[in-house]
C-alpha atoms as a PDB file:
ATOM      1  CA  UNK A   1     -79.724 -98.757  99.358  1.00  0.00           C
ATOM      2  CA  UNK A   2     -78.859-101.818 101.462  1.00  0.00           C
ATOM      3  CA  UNK A   3     -78.623-100.232 104.930  1.00  0.00           C
ATOM      4  CA  UNK A   4     -78.621 -96.869 106.675  1.00  0.00           C
ATOM      5  CA  UNK A   5     -77.623 -95.678 110.155  1.00  0.00           C
ATOM      6  CA  UNK A   6     -79.488 -92.672 111.563  1.00  0.00           C
ATOM      7  CA  UNK A   7     -78.314 -90.807 114.608  1.00  0.00           C
ATOM      8  CA  UNK A   8     -80.861 -89.796 117.202  1.00  0.00           C
ATOM      9  CA  UNK A   9     -81.382 -86.194 115.987  1.00  0.00           C
ATOM     10  CA  UNK A  10     -81.847 -87.352 112.389  1.00  0.00           C
ATOM     11  CA  UNK A  11     -84.392 -89.967 113.382  1.00  0.00           C
ATOM     12  CA  UNK A  12     -86.293 -87.500 115.555  1.00  0.00           C
ATOM     13  CA  UNK A  13     -86.629 -85.013 112.697  1.00  0.00           C
ATOM     14  CA  UNK A  14     -87.915 -87.668 110.356  1.00  0.00           C
ATOM     15  CA  UNK A  15     -90.345 -89.099 112.906  1.00  0.00           C
ATOM     16  CA  UNK A  16     -91.811 -85.661 113.575  1.00  0.00           C
ATOM     17  CA  UNK A  17     -92.491 -85.300 109.851  1.00  0.00           C
ATOM     18  CA  UNK A  18     -94.493 -88.553 110.024  1.00  0.00           C
ATOM     19  CA  UNK A  19     -96.363 -88.021 113.273  1.00  0.00           C
ATOM     20  CA  UNK A  20     -95.851 -87.181 116.926  1.00  0.00           C
ATOM     21  CA  UNK A  21     -93.639 -88.336 119.800  1.00  0.00           C
ATOM     22  CA  UNK A  22     -95.954 -86.814 122.406  1.00  0.00           C
ATOM     23  CA  UNK A  23     -96.272 -90.133 124.274  1.00  0.00           C
ATOM     24  CA  UNK A  24     -92.611 -91.135 124.022  1.00  0.00           C
ATOM     25  CA  UNK A  25     -92.054 -91.338 127.782  1.00  0.00           C
ATOM     26  CA  UNK A  26     -95.021 -93.726 128.243  1.00  0.00           C
ATOM     27  CA  UNK A  27     -93.948 -95.669 125.150  1.00  0.00           C
ATOM     28  CA  UNK A  28     -90.418 -96.130 126.522  1.00  0.00           C
ATOM     29  CA  UNK A  29     -91.747 -97.045 130.006  1.00  0.00           C
ATOM     30  CA  UNK A  30     -93.724 -99.927 128.510  1.00  0.00           C
ATOM     31  CA  UNK A  31     -90.440-101.859 128.106  1.00  0.00           C
ATOM     32  CA  UNK A  32     -90.544-102.337 131.902  1.00  0.00           C
ATOM     33  CA  UNK A  33     -93.615-104.556 131.362  1.00  0.00           C
ATOM     34  CA  UNK A  34     -92.314-106.951 128.731  1.00  0.00           C
ATOM     35  CA  UNK A  35     -92.754-110.702 129.277  1.00  0.00           C
ATOM     36  CA  UNK A  36     -90.001-113.303 129.314  1.00  0.00           C
ATOM     37  CA  UNK A  37     -89.242-114.979 126.001  1.00  0.00           C
ATOM     38  CA  UNK A  38     -90.105-118.638 126.648  1.00  0.00           C
ATOM     39  CA  UNK A  39     -88.831-119.873 123.277  1.00  0.00           C
ATOM     40  CA  UNK A  40     -85.063-119.529 123.723  1.00  0.00           C
ATOM     41  CA  UNK A  41     -83.558-122.783 122.504  1.00  0.00           C
ATOM     42  CA  UNK A  42     -80.221-121.883 124.113  1.00  0.00           C
ATOM     43  CA  UNK A  43     -81.929-121.922 127.530  1.00  0.00           C
ATOM     44  CA  UNK A  44     -81.266-118.220 127.961  1.00  0.00           C
ATOM     45  CA  UNK A  45     -83.333-116.091 130.364  1.00  0.00           C
ATOM     46  CA  UNK A  46     -81.944-112.780 129.168  1.00  0.00           C
ATOM     47  CA  UNK A  47     -84.654-111.714 126.721  1.00  0.00           C
ATOM     48  CA  UNK A  48     -88.074-110.108 127.228  1.00  0.00           C
ATOM     49  CA  UNK A  49     -90.431-109.118 124.454  1.00  0.00           C
ATOM     50  CA  UNK A  50     -93.919-108.297 123.124  1.00  0.00           C
ATOM     51  CA  UNK A  51     -95.211-108.600 119.582  1.00  0.00           C
ATOM     52  CA  UNK A  52     -97.965-107.177 117.295  1.00  0.00           C
ATOM     53  CA  UNK A  53     -98.877-107.272 113.617  1.00  0.00           C
ATOM     54  CA  UNK A  54    -100.134-104.353 111.560  1.00  0.00           C
ATOM     55  CA  UNK A  55    -101.286-103.676 108.008  1.00  0.00           C
ATOM     56  CA  UNK A  56    -100.122-100.509 106.259  1.00  0.00           C
ATOM     57  CA  UNK A  57    -101.817 -99.217 103.151  1.00  0.00           C
ATOM     58  CA  UNK A  58    -102.767 -95.859 101.609  1.00  0.00           C
ATOM     59  CA  UNK A  59    -105.810 -95.889 103.864  1.00  0.00           C
ATOM     60  CA  UNK A  60    -103.708 -95.964 107.013  1.00  0.00           C
ATOM     61  CA  UNK A  61    -102.192 -98.190 109.715  1.00  0.00           C
ATOM     62  CA  UNK A  62    -104.404-100.926 111.101  1.00  0.00           C
ATOM     63  CA  UNK A  63    -103.595-103.399 113.878  1.00  0.00           C
ATOM     64  CA  UNK A  64    -104.440-107.002 113.050  1.00  0.00           C
ATOM     65  CA  UNK A  65    -105.613-109.766 115.358  1.00  0.00           C
ATOM     66  CA  UNK A  66    -102.931-111.173 117.623  1.00  0.00           C
ATOM     67  CA  UNK A  67    -101.071-114.007 115.910  1.00  0.00           C
ATOM     68  CA  UNK A  68     -97.859-115.988 116.236  1.00  0.00           C
ATOM     69  CA  UNK A  69     -94.452-114.947 114.980  1.00  0.00           C
ATOM     70  CA  UNK A  70     -92.892-117.483 112.612  1.00  0.00           C
ATOM     71  CA  UNK A  71     -89.457-117.775 111.004  1.00  0.00           C
ATOM     72  CA  UNK A  72     -88.168-120.697 109.026  1.00  0.00           C
ATOM     73  CA  UNK A  73     -85.041-122.394 110.325  1.00  0.00           C
ATOM     74  CA  UNK A  74     -83.188-121.139 107.252  1.00  0.00           C
ATOM     75  CA  UNK A  75     -83.532-117.664 108.776  1.00  0.00           C
ATOM     76  CA  UNK A  76     -83.360-118.519 112.477  1.00  0.00           C
ATOM     77  CA  UNK A  77     -81.572-121.835 113.015  1.00  0.00           C
ATOM     78  CA  UNK A  78     -81.742-121.396 116.802  1.00  0.00           C
ATOM     79  CA  UNK A  79     -85.384-120.548 117.425  1.00  0.00           C
ATOM     80  CA  UNK A  80     -87.053-120.920 114.045  1.00  0.00           C
ATOM     81  CA  UNK A  81     -89.365-123.593 112.658  1.00  0.00           C
ATOM     82  CA  UNK A  82     -92.129-123.145 115.259  1.00  0.00           C
ATOM     83  CA  UNK A  83     -94.978-120.708 115.808  1.00  0.00           C
ATOM     84  CA  UNK A  84     -93.989-118.468 118.685  1.00  0.00           C
ATOM     85  CA  UNK A  85     -96.840-116.844 120.594  1.00  0.00           C
ATOM     86  CA  UNK A  86     -95.473-113.812 122.451  1.00  0.00           C
ATOM     87  CA  UNK A  87     -97.436-111.530 124.757  1.00  0.00           C
ATOM     88  CA  UNK A  88     -99.110-108.801 122.689  1.00  0.00           C
ATOM     89  CA  UNK A  89     -97.993-105.221 122.545  1.00  0.00           C
ATOM     90  CA  UNK A  90    -100.173-103.352 125.050  1.00  0.00           C
ATOM     91  CA  UNK A  91    -103.227-101.694 123.450  1.00  0.00           C
ATOM     92  CA  UNK A  92    -102.206 -98.156 124.491  1.00  0.00           C
ATOM     93  CA  UNK A  93     -98.779 -98.684 122.976  1.00  0.00           C
ATOM     94  CA  UNK A  94    -100.219-100.115 119.769  1.00  0.00           C
ATOM     95  CA  UNK A  95    -102.472 -97.119 119.188  1.00  0.00           C
ATOM     96  CA  UNK A  96    -100.045 -94.559 120.580  1.00  0.00           C
ATOM     97  CA  UNK A  97     -98.566 -91.670 118.654  1.00  0.00           C
ATOM     98  CA  UNK A  98     -94.898 -92.761 118.932  1.00  0.00           C
ATOM     99  CA  UNK A  99     -95.358 -96.243 117.544  1.00  0.00           C
ATOM    100  CA  UNK A 100     -97.585 -94.971 114.724  1.00  0.00           C
ATOM    101  CA  UNK A 101     -94.977 -92.349 113.827  1.00  0.00           C
ATOM    102  CA  UNK A 102     -92.246 -95.026 113.680  1.00  0.00           C
ATOM    103  CA  UNK A 103     -94.363 -97.281 111.447  1.00  0.00           C
ATOM    104  CA  UNK A 104     -95.399 -94.392 109.151  1.00  0.00           C
ATOM    105  CA  UNK A 105     -91.831 -93.130 108.805  1.00  0.00           C
ATOM    106  CA  UNK A 106     -90.377 -96.583 108.087  1.00  0.00           C
ATOM    107  CA  UNK A 107     -93.137 -97.451 105.584  1.00  0.00           C
ATOM    108  CA  UNK A 108     -92.458 -94.267 103.680  1.00  0.00           C
ATOM    109  CA  UNK A 109     -88.680 -94.753 103.784  1.00  0.00           C
ATOM    110  CA  UNK A 110     -88.794 -98.358 102.655  1.00  0.00           C
ATOM    111  CA  UNK A 111     -91.361 -97.456 100.021  1.00  0.00           C
ATOM    112  CA  UNK A 112     -88.845 -94.989  98.646  1.00  0.00           C
ATOM    113  CA  UNK A 113     -86.131 -97.645  98.677  1.00  0.00           C
ATOM    114  CA  UNK A 114     -88.454-100.061  96.924  1.00  0.00           C
ATOM    115  CA  UNK A 115     -89.775 -97.521  94.497  1.00  0.00           C
ATOM    116  CA  UNK A 116     -93.332 -98.771  94.405  1.00  0.00           C
ATOM    117  CA  UNK A 117     -94.680-100.576  97.487  1.00  0.00           C
ATOM    118  CA  UNK A 118     -97.371 -98.854  99.521  1.00  0.00           C
ATOM    119  CA  UNK A 119     -98.934-101.906 101.164  1.00  0.00           C
ATOM    120  CA  UNK A 120     -97.101-103.761 103.894  1.00  0.00           C
ATOM    121  CA  UNK A 121     -97.472-106.487 106.480  1.00  0.00           C
ATOM    122  CA  UNK A 122     -95.653-105.103 109.491  1.00  0.00           C
ATOM    123  CA  UNK A 123     -94.502-106.976 112.632  1.00  0.00           C
ATOM    124  CA  UNK A 124     -93.564-104.991 115.706  1.00  0.00           C
ATOM    125  CA  UNK A 125     -91.222-106.492 118.300  1.00  0.00           C
ATOM    126  CA  UNK A 126     -90.376-104.886 121.622  1.00  0.00           C
ATOM    127  CA  UNK A 127     -87.132-106.383 122.926  1.00  0.00           C
ATOM    128  CA  UNK A 128     -85.326-106.021 126.226  1.00  0.00           C
ATOM    129  CA  UNK A 129     -81.964-107.810 126.458  1.00  0.00           C
ATOM    130  CA  UNK A 130     -80.711-108.106 130.015  1.00  0.00           C
ATOM    131  CA  UNK A 131     -77.131-108.527 131.230  1.00  0.00           C
ATOM    132  CA  UNK A 132     -75.721-109.337 134.688  1.00  0.00           C
ATOM    133  CA  UNK A 133     -72.331-110.046 136.140  1.00  0.00           C
ATOM    134  CA  UNK A 134     -71.119-113.277 134.643  1.00  0.00           C
ATOM    135  CA  UNK A 135     -74.095-113.491 132.254  1.00  0.00           C
ATOM    136  CA  UNK A 136     -73.977-111.657 128.967  1.00  0.00           C
ATOM    137  CA  UNK A 137     -77.109-110.690 127.076  1.00  0.00           C
ATOM    138  CA  UNK A 138     -77.305-111.780 123.438  1.00  0.00           C
ATOM    139  CA  UNK A 139     -79.413-109.531 121.188  1.00  0.00           C
ATOM    140  CA  UNK A 140     -79.018-111.961 118.262  1.00  0.00           C
ATOM    141  CA  UNK A 141     -78.211-115.412 119.724  1.00  0.00           C
ATOM    142  CA  UNK A 142     -78.733-116.945 116.277  1.00  0.00           C
ATOM    143  CA  UNK A 143     -75.701-115.032 115.006  1.00  0.00           C
ATOM    144  CA  UNK A 144     -75.553-112.932 111.788  1.00  0.00           C
ATOM    145  CA  UNK A 145     -78.817-113.542 109.996  1.00  0.00           C
ATOM    146  CA  UNK A 146     -81.610-112.378 107.790  1.00  0.00           C
ATOM    147  CA  UNK A 147     -85.146-112.146 109.147  1.00  0.00           C
ATOM    148  CA  UNK A 148     -86.909-113.494 106.063  1.00  0.00           C
ATOM    149  CA  UNK A 149     -88.741-110.236 105.295  1.00  0.00           C
ATOM    150  CA  UNK A 150     -88.109-107.339 102.908  1.00  0.00           C
ATOM    151  CA  UNK A 151     -86.982-104.561 105.255  1.00  0.00           C
ATOM    152  CA  UNK A 152     -86.085-104.085 108.908  1.00  0.00           C
ATOM    153  CA  UNK A 153     -85.970-101.089 111.221  1.00  0.00           C
ATOM    154  CA  UNK A 154     -84.159-101.336 114.587  1.00  0.00           C
ATOM    155  CA  UNK A 155     -84.693 -98.341 116.894  1.00  0.00           C
ATOM    156  CA  UNK A 156     -82.938 -97.893 120.206  1.00  0.00           C
ATOM    157  CA  UNK A 157     -85.295 -96.989 123.061  1.00  0.00           C
ATOM    158  CA  UNK A 158     -82.878 -97.135 126.011  1.00  0.00           C
ATOM    159  CA  UNK A 159     -79.506 -98.444 127.182  1.00  0.00           C
ATOM    160  CA  UNK A 160     -78.945 -98.820 130.937  1.00  0.00           C
ATOM    161  CA  UNK A 161     -75.519 -99.780 132.372  1.00  0.00           C
ATOM    162  CA  UNK A 162     -74.384-101.816 129.358  1.00  0.00           C
ATOM    163  CA  UNK A 163     -71.417-101.906 127.039  1.00  0.00           C
ATOM    164  CA  UNK A 164     -70.915-103.416 123.591  1.00  0.00           C
ATOM    165  CA  UNK A 165     -73.966-104.273 121.467  1.00  0.00           C
ATOM    166  CA  UNK A 166     -72.384-103.350 118.143  1.00  0.00           C
ATOM    167  CA  UNK A 167     -74.524-103.913 115.057  1.00  0.00           C
ATOM    168  CA  UNK A 168     -72.646-105.568 112.201  1.00  0.00           C
ATOM    169  CA  UNK A 169     -73.675-105.676 108.556  1.00  0.00           C
ATOM    170  CA  UNK A 170     -72.380-108.211 105.994  1.00  0.00           C
ATOM    171  CA  UNK A 171     -73.212-109.310 102.485  1.00  0.00           C
ATOM    172  CA  UNK A 172     -74.417-112.768 101.504  1.00  0.00           C
ATOM    173  CA  UNK A 173     -70.834-114.047 101.382  1.00  0.00           C
ATOM    174  CA  UNK A 174     -70.139-112.836 104.900  1.00  0.00           C
ATOM    175  CA  UNK A 175     -67.983-109.899 103.825  1.00  0.00           C
ATOM    176  CA  UNK A 176     -68.310-106.967 106.285  1.00  0.00           C
ATOM    177  CA  UNK A 177     -70.116-103.941 104.893  1.00  0.00           C
ATOM    178  CA  UNK A 178     -70.218-101.790 108.000  1.00  0.00           C
ATOM    179  CA  UNK A 179     -71.040-101.522 111.673  1.00  0.00           C
ATOM    180  CA  UNK A 180     -72.271 -99.099 114.297  1.00  0.00           C
ATOM    181  CA  UNK A 181     -73.543 -99.056 117.901  1.00  0.00           C
ATOM    182  CA  UNK A 182     -76.982 -97.787 118.822  1.00  0.00           C
ATOM    183  CA  UNK A 183     -76.119 -95.634 121.817  1.00  0.00           C
ATOM    184  CA  UNK A 184     -78.750 -92.903 122.214  1.00  0.00           C
ATOM    185  CA  UNK A 185     -82.506 -93.216 122.253  1.00  0.00           C
ATOM    186  CA  UNK A 186     -83.787 -92.930 118.637  1.00  0.00           C
ATOM    187  CA  UNK A 187     -80.518 -94.076 117.072  1.00  0.00           C
ATOM    188  CA  UNK A 188     -81.762 -96.306 114.285  1.00  0.00           C
ATOM    189  CA  UNK A 189     -80.675 -98.876 111.684  1.00  0.00           C
ATOM    190  CA  UNK A 190     -82.632 -99.496 108.481  1.00  0.00           C
ATOM    191  CA  UNK A 191     -81.834-102.648 106.497  1.00  0.00           C
ATOM    192  CA  UNK A 192     -82.755-104.317 103.223  1.00  0.00           C
ATOM    193  CA  UNK A 193     -83.203-107.802 104.619  1.00  0.00           C
ATOM    194  CA  UNK A 194     -82.997-109.398 101.185  1.00  0.00           C
ATOM    195  CA  UNK A 195     -79.497-108.015 100.567  1.00  0.00           C
ATOM    196  CA  UNK A 196     -77.656-108.014 103.887  1.00  0.00           C
ATOM    197  CA  UNK A 197     -77.047-110.078 107.012  1.00  0.00           C
ATOM    198  CA  UNK A 198     -77.076-108.376 110.403  1.00  0.00           C
ATOM    199  CA  UNK A 199     -76.152-109.244 113.938  1.00  0.00           C
ATOM    200  CA  UNK A 200     -75.496-107.543 117.282  1.00  0.00           C
ATOM    201  CA  UNK A 201     -72.633-108.442 119.602  1.00  0.00           C
ATOM    202  CA  UNK A 202     -73.439-109.563 123.182  1.00  0.00           C
ATOM    203  CA  UNK A 203     -73.850-106.900 125.874  1.00  0.00           C
ATOM    204  CA  UNK A 204     -72.347-106.909 129.381  1.00  0.00           C
ATOM    205  CA  UNK A 205     -72.871-104.666 132.426  1.00  0.00           C
ATOM    206  CA  UNK A 206     -70.792-101.519 132.404  1.00  0.00           C
ATOM    207  CA  UNK A 207     -70.756-101.592 136.208  1.00  0.00           C
ATOM    208  CA  UNK A 208     -70.660-105.326 137.073  1.00  0.00           C
ATOM    209  CA  UNK A 209     -72.319-104.932 140.473  1.00  0.00           C
ATOM    210  CA  UNK A 210     -75.559-103.769 138.820  1.00  0.00           C
ATOM    211  CA  UNK A 211     -77.666-105.375 136.057  1.00  0.00           C
ATOM    212  CA  UNK A 212     -78.081-103.609 132.744  1.00  0.00           C
ATOM    213  CA  UNK A 213     -80.383-103.808 129.726  1.00  0.00           C
ATOM    214  CA  UNK A 214     -80.758-102.768 126.096  1.00  0.00           C
ATOM    215  CA  UNK A 215     -84.264-101.840 124.896  1.00  0.00           C
ATOM    216  CA  UNK A 216     -84.927-101.919 121.155  1.00  0.00           C
ATOM    217  CA  UNK A 217     -87.939-101.711 118.912  1.00  0.00           C
ATOM    218  CA  UNK A 218     -87.630-103.920 115.807  1.00  0.00           C
ATOM    219  CA  UNK A 219     -90.166-103.390 113.020  1.00  0.00           C
ATOM    220  CA  UNK A 220     -90.148-105.672 109.985  1.00  0.00           C
ATOM    221  CA  UNK A 221     -91.849-104.962 106.627  1.00  0.00           C
ATOM    222  CA  UNK A 222     -93.055-107.474 104.054  1.00  0.00           C
ATOM    223  CA  UNK A 223     -94.708-106.544 100.778  1.00  0.00           C
ATOM    224  CA  UNK A 224     -98.402-107.317 100.501  1.00  0.00           C
END
């Protein structure tokens, strides 16, 4: 399978098989405390984020020491080629039930796609993309891309006063394979990053007099 779109109710059922969402409200509220992304080569000030790295194995999920995020320029021609040190995911979020349920679910799902892998290096990215009147927010300013990993999960946490933000999927030749919009909390996209390119269209305020934002959790998986 190259990609899958899960609606909120489907994702919730699967997450509850993997763990608990008992701290979901606190988890979602942590997006209000993300730090500005200082590495935007386009000069944009519309993105906030935090980052963490985990190890997943049959013995469990373990958070690793804080470290930089790196992508080669072949995967991210806009912001790649440098070590990017983002503010860490808050400790309570990193050990919380909701995040652990997401990681456990995705590890099991991608393990099923892969057919064998049970050990993963996992990077967790909390993103907030902001939009204001006259200033669109760009979830993927690098355009359609691959992340340079094996698999990717994108999970919507919240949308506030925004329109657009359509996820597009294409093959290596750029031929469209599908598309969907993450609209409700827990709507999710799962991608085989080796097989497909993905991007998200810019967002704009639904009501121009007020700012808006799109909060997403992106979790990437690389075989160990």
